[in-house]
Amino acid sequence: MKPFKYLQLLTVCTVLLYSCKKNTDAVQLALPTVTTVDITAITGNTASGGGNVNSEGGAPVTARGIIFGKGTSAVITTVDGTGGGSFTSSLTGLQPYTTYYVKAYATNANGTAYGNTITFQTLGAPPPIPVDDDPLNPGNPTNAMPYPFFSENYLKNNNYYTLAYSQSRGIPVWVAWHLQKEDLGSTPRQDDFRGDVNLPPSWYQVQTTSYTSTGFDRGHNCPSGDRTLTIPANSSTFLMTNIIPQAQTLNQGPWNDLEDFVRNSLVGTTNEAYIVMGNYGTGGYNNLTPAVVNSIDGGLVTVPAKIWKVVVIMPKGNNDLSRINSNTTVLAVNMPNDHRVYTGGTASDWRTYRTSVAAIEADANAAGVPLNLFQRIADSVRPALKAKIYP
C-alpha cells in the first residue's frame, strides 16, 4: 500500500505546483486597470483631463496618459508619468466648438490597457462685445453662450431681441431688448405664433398648440407693442422662444399695464430703455384648476412661479454705458404667476410689485438661476442701481 500512497502524494504536489505556476503566470501577464476622468477647464483651444491607474497589474506601469482626437483617426497621445494613482493631462491645440473623444491609458511590460471613452466639446468664440442699443450692452444677465451644450443657458439672437433659452424648461430664462421711439410705428399685431426653427436641430420646438386649453396665456417677453416699426420686427415677437405660460389675469392686467407705461410714459419720444424680462421657479396657477400647475405640453414646457422685469431708462444719446450713473432711473418688478392674485384694485396694480434688482437676483439665484444684471456697468455705480426701488 505504501507505493500507492507515495503516488497519491506525488500527484497532489504536481497539481499544486502546476496550479501555482499558472496563477503566477496570470499575475505576471496582467495588464493595468485604468479609468478616464471627466474633462474640466474647457476653453476654445485647451482643456484638462487625465485618469486614474487603479492597479498596475503584473508589472510596473512605465507610461500613462490620455489619447484624444476628433474621431478614430489623427489621435494625439500624451505621456504623463509612470506608476499607479491619479494623473492630470493637458489637452492643447484644440479647435473651437468641436467634439473630442478621450480615453486614458496605462502601459506595463505586458501591454497597454485603456480606460472608458468620454466626449466633450470645446467652446466657441465668445459673443461680440455689445455696443449702444445692443440689448446686452448693460451685461449678459446669466453669461449665456451661443452653443448647444449650454442647453440651460443658450444665448440666442432673434434679431429684434436677445434671449437665453432653457432646453429642459422649453421657455426662455430671460429676454432682453432695447426700446426707443424708432422701434415704434403703425404695423398691426401679426399674431403668427410659431415654433422657432432656429433652435439646435435636436431640440424640441414648442408650438402654439403647446398652450391650447392649458388655462395659461402665451405671454410675450419682448412685447408685440414694442416692435411695431415693420412686419418682420413684430412677427419676431411671436416666436415661441419669446413666450412663457403666463396667468391670464397677470398677462392681461398689470403686466400689460406695465408694458404700456414703459413704452408710453418712460420711453416716449425723448428717452431710451434697456429692458430685461425673466422668470424662475416652477409652478403657477391658471383659471381652470385650483391646483398648482408645474408644466404643460406633456411636461415639455415649464410653468414658472415668478416673472420679473427690469428697465433702465435714460435720455436718448450716445455712449450709453458711460452715461449710466447712480441717478439713472431703474424700474424693477417681480410678480407671482398666479391667476388668483390679480383680483382688482391694488392687487392688479403693477406698482404693488415694485422691488429692487438685488432682491430679484437673490430670489432667482436661490431658485437656481445664476442671475447677475448690469455686469458691464461701472463698479462704482452698479450697487446703487441694484438697490433702487422705483418711486
Protein backbone atom coordinates (compact mmCIF):
# COMPACT_ATOMS: atom_id res chain seq x y z
CA MET A 1 0.00 0.00 0.00
CA LYS A 2 2.93 2.39 0.56
CA PRO A 3 3.77 2.81 -3.16
CA PHE A 4 0.17 3.82 -3.79
CA LYS A 5 0.31 6.46 -1.04
CA TYR A 6 3.54 7.84 -2.46
CA LEU A 7 1.90 8.05 -5.89
CA GLN A 8 -1.04 9.98 -4.44
CA LEU A 9 1.28 12.40 -2.68
CA LEU A 10 3.30 12.93 -5.86
CA THR A 11 0.13 13.63 -7.85
CA VAL A 12 -1.10 16.20 -5.32
CA CYS A 13 2.23 18.00 -5.25
CA THR A 14 2.37 18.07 -9.04
CA VAL A 15 -1.11 19.57 -9.25
CA LEU A 16 -0.30 22.16 -6.62
CA LEU A 17 2.93 23.15 -8.31
CA TYR A 18 1.24 23.40 -11.69
CA SER A 19 -1.63 25.45 -10.26
CA CYS A 20 0.77 27.82 -8.52
CA LYS A 21 2.70 28.30 -11.73
CA LYS A 22 -0.49 29.11 -13.66
CA ASN A 23 -1.58 31.71 -11.09
CA THR A 24 1.87 33.26 -11.03
CA ASP A 25 1.89 33.48 -14.82
CA ALA A 26 -1.57 35.12 -14.79
CA VAL A 27 -0.42 37.76 -12.33
CA GLN A 28 2.78 38.36 -14.26
CA LEU A 29 0.85 38.82 -17.52
CA ALA A 30 -1.86 41.08 -16.08
CA LEU A 31 -2.44 44.48 -17.65
CA PRO A 32 -3.04 47.62 -15.59
CA THR A 33 -6.58 48.82 -14.89
CA VAL A 34 -7.27 52.48 -15.65
CA THR A 35 -10.25 54.84 -15.73
CA THR A 36 -10.70 58.14 -17.56
CA VAL A 37 -11.66 61.20 -15.52
CA ASP A 38 -14.03 63.98 -16.60
CA ILE A 39 -12.71 66.84 -18.70
CA THR A 40 -12.50 70.22 -16.97
CA ALA A 41 -11.28 73.78 -17.64
CA ILE A 42 -12.62 73.66 -21.19
CA THR A 43 -11.88 76.64 -23.46
CA GLY A 44 -11.92 77.02 -27.21
CA ASN A 45 -8.39 75.64 -27.57
CA THR A 46 -7.47 73.82 -24.35
CA ALA A 47 -8.84 71.53 -21.67
CA SER A 48 -7.69 69.45 -18.72
CA GLY A 49 -8.18 65.70 -18.38
CA GLY A 50 -6.43 62.66 -17.01
CA GLY A 51 -7.06 59.30 -15.47
CA ASN A 52 -6.54 57.01 -12.54
CA VAL A 53 -4.40 53.86 -12.63
CA ASN A 54 -6.31 51.69 -10.19
CA SER A 55 -3.90 48.75 -10.43
CA GLU A 56 -0.52 48.40 -12.12
CA GLY A 57 -1.20 44.75 -12.98
CA GLY A 58 1.63 42.21 -13.18
CA ALA A 59 4.42 44.74 -13.80
CA PRO A 60 5.15 48.39 -13.02
CA VAL A 61 3.41 50.99 -15.19
CA THR A 62 6.07 52.60 -17.36
CA ALA A 63 3.84 55.12 -19.16
CA ARG A 64 0.41 56.61 -18.64
CA GLY A 65 -1.57 59.42 -20.20
CA ILE A 66 -4.51 60.06 -22.49
CA ILE A 67 -5.34 59.57 -26.14
CA PHE A 68 -7.63 62.15 -27.71
CA GLY A 69 -8.90 63.21 -31.10
CA LYS A 70 -11.95 64.14 -33.15
CA GLY A 71 -12.60 60.54 -34.13
CA THR A 72 -10.82 57.24 -34.53
CA SER A 73 -8.01 58.71 -36.62
CA ALA A 74 -5.47 61.51 -36.16
CA VAL A 75 -5.29 60.88 -32.43
CA ILE A 76 -2.83 62.56 -30.06
CA THR A 77 -1.18 60.72 -27.18
CA THR A 78 0.19 62.35 -24.04
CA VAL A 79 2.67 60.82 -21.60
CA ASP A 80 2.02 61.92 -18.04
CA GLY A 81 4.31 59.95 -15.77
CA THR A 82 4.61 56.38 -14.54
CA GLY A 83 3.22 54.20 -11.78
CA GLY A 84 -0.21 53.94 -10.24
CA GLY A 85 -2.63 56.53 -8.92
CA SER A 86 -4.23 59.56 -10.50
CA PHE A 87 -2.67 61.82 -13.10
CA THR A 88 -3.54 65.01 -14.97
CA SER A 89 -3.16 65.61 -18.69
CA SER A 90 -3.25 68.85 -20.66
CA LEU A 91 -5.13 68.90 -23.96
CA THR A 92 -3.80 71.65 -26.22
CA GLY A 93 -4.13 72.67 -29.86
CA LEU A 94 -7.88 72.04 -29.87
CA GLN A 95 -10.27 73.58 -32.37
CA PRO A 96 -13.14 75.77 -31.12
CA TYR A 97 -16.66 74.36 -30.95
CA THR A 98 -15.53 70.82 -31.74
CA THR A 99 -16.36 67.43 -30.21
CA TYR A 100 -13.40 65.39 -28.97
CA TYR A 101 -13.08 61.78 -27.78
CA VAL A 102 -10.76 60.99 -24.87
CA LYS A 103 -9.60 57.84 -23.09
CA ALA A 104 -6.85 57.23 -20.56
CA TYR A 105 -4.21 54.53 -20.99
CA ALA A 106 -1.56 52.80 -18.90
CA THR A 107 1.31 50.62 -20.16
CA ASN A 108 3.35 47.94 -18.40
CA ALA A 109 5.62 45.15 -19.65
CA ASN A 110 2.58 43.07 -20.60
CA GLY A 111 0.93 45.65 -22.81
CA THR A 112 -1.38 48.68 -22.71
CA ALA A 113 -4.79 48.97 -21.08
CA TYR A 114 -7.36 51.65 -21.86
CA GLY A 115 -9.97 53.42 -19.80
CA ASN A 116 -13.50 54.36 -20.73
CA THR A 117 -14.02 56.79 -23.62
CA ILE A 118 -15.64 60.13 -22.84
CA THR A 119 -16.56 63.08 -25.06
CA PHE A 120 -16.51 66.82 -24.59
CA GLN A 121 -16.98 69.90 -26.72
CA THR A 122 -14.71 72.91 -26.83
CA LEU A 123 -16.13 76.38 -26.51
CA GLY A 124 -16.54 78.66 -29.47
CA ALA A 125 -15.57 82.26 -29.80
CA PRO A 126 -17.11 84.50 -27.12
CA PRO A 127 -20.06 86.69 -28.12
CA PRO A 128 -19.08 90.06 -29.60
CA ILE A 129 -18.72 93.00 -27.23
CA PRO A 130 -22.06 94.84 -27.15
CA VAL A 131 -22.40 98.41 -28.37
CA ASP A 132 -25.01 101.12 -27.95
CA ASP A 133 -28.59 99.88 -28.37
CA ASP A 134 -27.47 96.24 -28.17
CA PRO A 135 -29.82 94.58 -25.65
CA LEU A 136 -26.80 93.16 -23.82
CA ASN A 137 -24.98 96.48 -23.53
CA PRO A 138 -25.58 96.62 -19.74
CA GLY A 139 -24.44 93.00 -19.44
CA ASN A 140 -25.28 89.37 -20.19
CA PRO A 141 -27.63 88.52 -17.27
CA THR A 142 -26.57 84.87 -16.86
CA ASN A 143 -23.41 84.78 -19.00
CA ALA A 144 -25.30 82.73 -21.57
CA MET A 145 -23.34 81.33 -24.52
CA PRO A 146 -24.50 80.58 -28.11
CA TYR A 147 -23.54 76.90 -28.12
CA PRO A 148 -25.94 73.93 -27.89
CA PHE A 149 -24.07 72.35 -25.00
CA PHE A 150 -25.13 75.41 -22.96
CA SER A 151 -28.57 73.85 -23.13
CA GLU A 152 -29.92 75.53 -19.99
CA ASN A 153 -28.35 78.92 -20.72
CA TYR A 154 -28.34 79.05 -24.52
CA LEU A 155 -27.74 82.53 -25.93
CA LYS A 156 -29.89 83.24 -28.98
CA ASN A 157 -30.23 86.35 -31.11
CA ASN A 158 -33.71 86.75 -32.59
CA ASN A 159 -32.63 89.91 -34.45
CA TYR A 160 -35.02 92.24 -32.63
CA TYR A 161 -34.22 90.96 -29.15
CA THR A 162 -31.76 88.60 -27.46
CA LEU A 163 -32.55 85.74 -25.10
CA ALA A 164 -31.18 82.91 -23.01
CA TYR A 165 -33.13 79.70 -23.52
CA SER A 166 -33.60 76.63 -21.34
CA GLN A 167 -33.98 73.42 -23.33
CA SER A 168 -35.33 71.42 -20.40
CA ARG A 169 -37.90 74.07 -19.44
CA GLY A 170 -38.97 74.90 -23.02
CA ILE A 171 -39.03 78.63 -22.23
CA PRO A 172 -36.53 81.49 -22.16
CA VAL A 173 -34.58 82.15 -18.98
CA TRP A 174 -34.71 85.83 -19.87
CA VAL A 175 -35.26 88.07 -22.88
CA ALA A 176 -33.52 91.43 -23.35
CA TRP A 177 -34.28 94.26 -25.75
CA HIS A 178 -33.65 97.95 -26.34
CA LEU A 179 -36.56 100.33 -26.82
CA GLN A 180 -36.81 103.82 -28.30
CA LYS A 181 -39.27 105.70 -30.49
CA GLU A 182 -37.50 104.44 -33.63
CA ASP A 183 -38.77 100.94 -32.81
CA LEU A 184 -42.39 102.03 -33.00
CA GLY A 185 -44.67 102.50 -35.99
CA SER A 186 -48.09 101.51 -37.27
CA THR A 187 -47.55 97.81 -38.03
CA PRO A 188 -50.53 95.80 -36.75
CA ARG A 189 -50.16 92.83 -34.45
CA GLN A 190 -49.21 89.80 -36.59
CA ASP A 191 -50.45 87.06 -34.22
CA ASP A 192 -48.34 84.47 -36.08
CA PHE A 193 -47.31 82.36 -33.09
CA ARG A 194 -44.96 79.60 -34.28
CA GLY A 195 -42.12 77.33 -33.27
CA ASP A 196 -38.59 78.62 -33.57
CA VAL A 197 -36.88 76.59 -36.31
CA ASN A 198 -33.54 78.16 -35.46
CA LEU A 199 -33.11 76.23 -32.25
CA PRO A 200 -30.44 73.47 -32.36
CA PRO A 201 -31.75 70.67 -34.63
CA SER A 202 -32.23 68.02 -31.95
CA TRP A 203 -34.15 70.29 -29.56
CA TYR A 204 -37.90 70.13 -29.12
CA GLN A 205 -39.69 73.06 -30.76
CA VAL A 206 -42.54 74.37 -28.65
CA GLN A 207 -45.59 75.16 -30.80
CA THR A 208 -48.55 77.46 -30.29
CA THR A 209 -50.68 74.32 -29.79
CA SER A 210 -48.50 73.51 -26.77
CA TYR A 211 -50.56 76.13 -24.92
CA THR A 212 -54.00 75.09 -26.20
CA SER A 213 -56.58 74.57 -23.42
CA THR A 214 -53.98 74.96 -20.69
CA GLY A 215 -55.53 77.95 -18.93
CA PHE A 216 -52.36 79.98 -19.48
CA ASP A 217 -51.79 82.82 -21.93
CA ARG A 218 -48.96 82.75 -24.43
CA GLY A 219 -47.17 85.52 -22.58
CA HIS A 220 -44.74 87.66 -24.54
CA ASN A 221 -41.39 88.61 -23.09
CA CYS A 222 -40.47 91.27 -25.65
CA PRO A 223 -43.96 92.71 -26.28
CA SER A 224 -45.56 92.89 -29.69
CA GLY A 225 -46.24 96.55 -28.91
CA ASP A 226 -42.52 97.30 -28.60
CA ARG A 227 -41.84 96.14 -32.17
CA THR A 228 -44.31 97.87 -34.49
CA LEU A 229 -41.98 99.53 -37.00
CA THR A 230 -42.02 96.67 -39.53
CA ILE A 231 -43.81 93.38 -40.12
CA PRO A 232 -40.64 91.28 -39.59
CA ALA A 233 -39.96 93.06 -36.30
CA ASN A 234 -43.47 92.48 -34.99
CA SER A 235 -43.61 88.93 -36.31
CA SER A 236 -40.40 88.05 -34.48
CA THR A 237 -42.12 88.59 -31.12
CA PHE A 238 -44.46 85.67 -31.87
CA LEU A 239 -41.68 83.08 -31.97
CA MET A 240 -42.29 80.61 -29.16
CA THR A 241 -38.78 81.22 -27.82
CA ASN A 242 -40.16 84.62 -26.74
CA ILE A 243 -43.16 83.10 -24.96
CA ILE A 244 -43.87 81.73 -21.47
CA PRO A 245 -47.02 80.29 -19.84
CA GLN A 246 -48.47 83.31 -18.06
CA ALA A 247 -51.55 83.54 -15.86
CA GLN A 248 -54.30 85.33 -17.79
CA THR A 249 -55.14 87.86 -15.07
CA LEU A 250 -51.45 88.76 -14.87
CA ASN A 251 -50.77 88.94 -18.61
CA GLN A 252 -53.91 90.89 -19.45
CA GLY A 253 -53.84 93.02 -16.31
CA PRO A 254 -50.84 94.53 -14.51
CA TRP A 255 -48.26 93.12 -16.93
CA ASN A 256 -49.96 94.72 -19.92
CA ASP A 257 -50.34 97.97 -17.97
CA LEU A 258 -46.63 97.93 -17.15
CA GLU A 259 -45.69 97.42 -20.80
CA ASP A 260 -47.81 100.41 -21.79
CA PHE A 261 -46.34 102.55 -19.01
CA VAL A 262 -42.75 101.79 -20.03
CA ARG A 263 -43.43 102.34 -23.72
CA ASN A 264 -45.54 105.48 -23.50
CA SER A 265 -44.60 107.21 -20.24
CA LEU A 266 -40.99 106.25 -19.53
CA VAL A 267 -39.60 105.99 -23.06
CA GLY A 268 -41.93 108.25 -25.03
CA THR A 269 -40.12 110.30 -27.65
CA THR A 270 -37.11 111.53 -25.68
CA ASN A 271 -35.80 108.53 -23.75
CA GLU A 272 -34.41 105.08 -24.45
CA ALA A 273 -34.59 101.92 -22.35
CA TYR A 274 -32.69 98.69 -21.80
CA ILE A 275 -35.22 96.07 -20.71
CA VAL A 276 -34.86 92.51 -19.43
CA MET A 277 -37.72 90.17 -18.57
CA GLY A 278 -37.21 86.79 -16.97
CA ASN A 279 -38.64 84.08 -14.78
CA TYR A 280 -37.68 81.45 -12.25
CA GLY A 281 -39.12 78.68 -10.14
CA THR A 282 -41.70 76.08 -11.06
CA GLY A 283 -45.46 76.08 -10.60
CA GLY A 284 -48.17 78.60 -11.48
CA TYR A 285 -51.94 78.85 -11.16
CA ASN A 286 -54.35 79.12 -14.09
CA ASN A 287 -58.09 79.76 -14.37
CA LEU A 288 -59.04 76.09 -14.87
CA THR A 289 -57.98 74.33 -11.69
CA PRO A 290 -57.25 75.32 -8.09
CA ALA A 291 -54.14 73.14 -8.06
CA VAL A 292 -50.68 74.36 -8.92
CA VAL A 293 -49.59 73.53 -12.49
CA ASN A 294 -45.91 72.73 -12.90
CA SER A 295 -45.84 72.16 -16.65
CA ILE A 296 -47.84 71.94 -19.86
CA ASP A 297 -47.38 70.17 -23.21
CA GLY A 298 -46.83 66.81 -21.57
CA GLY A 299 -44.14 68.15 -19.28
CA LEU A 300 -42.11 69.76 -22.06
CA VAL A 301 -42.93 73.36 -21.09
CA THR A 302 -42.37 74.52 -17.52
CA VAL A 303 -44.80 76.93 -15.89
CA PRO A 304 -42.65 79.44 -13.95
CA ALA A 305 -43.55 80.54 -10.43
CA LYS A 306 -42.31 84.14 -10.64
CA ILE A 307 -41.96 86.59 -13.52
CA TRP A 308 -39.79 89.71 -13.30
CA LYS A 309 -38.82 92.71 -15.36
CA VAL A 310 -36.02 95.29 -15.05
CA VAL A 311 -35.97 98.56 -17.01
CA VAL A 312 -33.10 101.07 -17.22
CA ILE A 313 -34.24 104.46 -18.55
CA MET A 314 -32.04 107.29 -19.82
CA PRO A 315 -32.28 110.24 -22.21
CA LYS A 316 -31.51 109.36 -25.81
CA GLY A 317 -27.85 109.76 -26.64
CA ASN A 318 -24.55 108.03 -27.35
CA ASN A 319 -22.00 106.12 -25.26
CA ASP A 320 -24.77 104.74 -23.09
CA LEU A 321 -22.62 102.88 -20.58
CA SER A 322 -20.63 105.98 -19.74
CA ARG A 323 -23.87 107.94 -19.23
CA ILE A 324 -25.36 105.49 -16.73
CA ASN A 325 -24.78 106.76 -13.20
CA SER A 326 -26.27 106.44 -9.73
CA ASN A 327 -29.07 108.84 -10.71
CA THR A 328 -30.22 106.73 -13.67
CA THR A 329 -33.83 105.56 -13.41
CA VAL A 330 -34.33 101.84 -12.73
CA LEU A 331 -37.71 100.12 -12.55
CA ALA A 332 -37.91 96.54 -11.28
CA VAL A 333 -40.97 94.37 -10.61
CA ASN A 334 -41.43 90.74 -9.57
CA MET A 335 -44.87 89.13 -9.80
CA PRO A 336 -46.28 85.70 -8.91
CA ASN A 337 -47.56 83.70 -11.87
CA ASP A 338 -50.86 83.14 -10.09
CA HIS A 339 -54.28 83.72 -11.65
CA ARG A 340 -55.86 84.05 -8.18
CA VAL A 341 -53.80 87.06 -7.09
CA TYR A 342 -54.91 89.74 -9.53
CA THR A 343 -58.44 90.43 -8.30
CA GLY A 344 -58.58 94.17 -8.94
CA GLY A 345 -57.57 97.27 -7.03
CA THR A 346 -54.02 97.36 -5.72
CA ALA A 347 -53.69 93.62 -6.32
CA SER A 348 -53.89 94.31 -10.05
CA ASP A 349 -51.62 97.37 -10.00
CA TRP A 350 -48.07 96.69 -11.18
CA ARG A 351 -46.80 99.26 -8.66
CA THR A 352 -47.68 96.84 -5.87
CA TYR A 353 -44.94 94.52 -7.12
CA ARG A 354 -42.07 97.02 -7.31
CA THR A 355 -38.81 95.73 -5.88
CA SER A 356 -35.06 96.06 -6.34
CA VAL A 357 -32.75 94.32 -8.78
CA ALA A 358 -30.79 92.97 -5.82
CA ALA A 359 -33.91 91.31 -4.41
CA ILE A 360 -34.78 89.72 -7.77
CA GLU A 361 -31.23 88.40 -8.14
CA ALA A 362 -31.27 86.90 -4.65
CA ASP A 363 -34.54 85.06 -5.26
CA ALA A 364 -33.54 83.91 -8.75
CA ASN A 365 -30.18 82.58 -7.57
CA ALA A 366 -31.88 80.75 -4.71
CA ALA A 367 -34.06 79.09 -7.38
CA GLY A 368 -31.01 78.02 -9.40
CA VAL A 369 -30.83 80.85 -11.96
CA PRO A 370 -27.35 82.49 -11.91
CA LEU A 371 -28.74 85.99 -12.45
CA ASN A 372 -26.31 88.90 -12.31
CA LEU A 373 -27.52 92.06 -14.02
CA PHE A 374 -25.56 95.18 -15.00
CA GLN A 375 -22.20 93.37 -15.28
CA ARG A 376 -20.87 95.90 -17.80
CA ILE A 377 -21.95 98.94 -15.81
CA ALA A 378 -19.21 100.61 -13.76
CA ASP A 379 -18.45 99.00 -10.40
CA SER A 380 -18.84 102.36 -8.70
CA VAL A 381 -22.41 102.66 -9.98
CA ARG A 382 -23.75 99.11 -10.05
CA PRO A 383 -24.59 98.63 -6.33
CA ALA A 384 -26.63 101.83 -6.22
CA LEU A 385 -28.62 100.82 -9.29
CA LYS A 386 -29.31 97.35 -7.92
CA ALA A 387 -30.62 98.79 -4.65
CA LYS A 388 -33.10 101.21 -6.26
CA ILE A 389 -36.85 100.81 -5.97
CA TYR A 390 -38.85 102.82 -8.49
CA PRO A 391 -40.82 105.58 -6.73
